[in-house]
Protein backbone atom coordinates (compact mmCIF):
# COMPACT_ATOMS: atom_id res chain seq x y z
CA MET A 1 85.36 80.93 115.84
CA TRP A 2 82.94 83.03 113.85
CA LEU A 3 81.35 82.56 110.47
CA PRO A 4 81.61 85.24 107.77
CA LEU A 5 78.69 87.65 107.61
CA THR A 6 76.89 88.12 104.32
CA THR A 7 74.83 91.01 103.04
CA GLU A 8 71.80 88.74 103.43
CA ASP A 9 72.63 88.16 107.13
CA LEU A 10 72.82 91.90 107.75
CA GLN A 11 69.72 92.62 105.64
CA MET A 12 67.72 90.15 107.71
CA ALA A 13 69.03 91.32 111.08
CA PHE A 14 68.72 95.06 110.42
CA GLY A 15 65.50 94.66 108.42
CA ARG A 16 63.60 93.92 111.61
CA ILE A 17 63.98 97.64 112.48
CA GLY A 18 62.60 98.95 109.18
CA GLU A 19 63.10 99.23 105.44
CA VAL A 20 66.76 98.73 104.52
CA ARG A 21 67.70 100.39 101.22
CA ASP A 22 71.23 99.02 100.88
CA VAL A 23 73.76 96.75 102.59
CA TYR A 24 77.40 96.96 101.55
CA ILE A 25 80.37 95.06 102.97
CA PRO A 26 83.62 96.65 101.70
CA ARG A 27 86.37 94.26 100.62
CA ASP A 28 90.09 94.74 100.29
CA TYR A 29 90.88 95.39 96.62
CA HIS A 30 93.78 92.92 96.48
CA SER A 31 92.77 90.10 98.83
CA GLN A 32 88.99 90.44 98.35
CA GLN A 33 88.62 89.74 102.09
CA PRO A 34 85.99 91.76 104.01
CA LYS A 35 87.45 94.80 105.76
CA GLY A 36 85.51 94.12 108.96
CA PHE A 37 82.75 96.70 108.69
CA ALA A 38 79.61 97.32 106.67
CA PHE A 39 77.28 100.10 105.62
CA ILE A 40 73.55 99.76 106.23
CA GLU A 41 71.31 102.41 104.63
CA TYR A 42 67.76 102.89 105.85
CA ALA A 43 64.84 104.49 104.07
CA ASN A 44 64.65 107.25 106.69
CA PRO A 45 66.83 108.73 109.45
CA ASP A 46 64.48 107.70 112.27
CA MET A 47 64.95 104.04 111.40
CA ALA A 48 68.72 104.53 111.29
CA ARG A 49 68.68 106.06 114.80
CA GLU A 50 66.53 103.21 116.08
CA ALA A 51 68.88 100.66 114.50
CA ARG A 52 71.89 102.32 116.11
CA ASP A 53 70.20 102.12 119.51
CA GLU A 54 68.72 98.63 119.12
CA MET A 55 71.48 96.84 117.19
CA ASP A 56 74.58 98.12 118.99
CA ARG A 57 76.17 95.12 120.75
CA PHE A 58 73.76 92.76 118.92
CA LYS A 59 75.33 89.32 118.42
CA ILE A 60 75.18 87.60 115.05
CA LYS A 61 77.15 84.50 114.00
CA GLY A 62 79.36 84.76 117.07
CA ARG A 63 80.20 88.46 116.57
CA GLU A 64 79.15 91.42 118.64
CA LEU A 65 78.31 94.36 116.40
CA GLU A 66 79.25 97.95 117.09
CA VAL A 67 76.78 100.26 115.37
CA VAL A 68 77.75 103.87 114.64
CA PHE A 69 76.74 106.43 112.04
CA ALA A 70 79.10 106.68 109.07
CA GLN A 71 81.24 109.82 109.10
CA GLU A 72 81.44 109.97 105.29
CA ARG A 73 79.44 108.71 102.36
CA ARG A 74 80.24 105.30 100.93
CA LYS A 75 83.12 105.41 98.44
CA THR A 76 82.71 104.05 94.91
CA PRO A 77 84.95 101.18 93.73
CA ASN A 78 86.91 103.65 91.56
CA GLU A 79 87.55 105.88 94.57
CA MET A 80 88.77 102.88 96.58
CA ARG A 81 91.17 101.75 93.83
CA GLY A 82 92.84 105.16 93.90
CA ARG A 83 93.90 104.76 97.54
């Protein structure tokens, strides 16, 4: 059994690589449950590449993370409601 991850958990884990600008865990609009992924934004692209290499398969609170670059920018809450 795993414990839910918080933005603070991810900030602390990914912050060891470098300056994290933003951590966002999307939630389902209706249930408010986490969707199972998060966005981590770094201050520069080099840190993001290092985080992808260092944090992929990192275990936190019983979960193994898969770290990939986002294919699109983060959607705003209004954009998500329109889906």
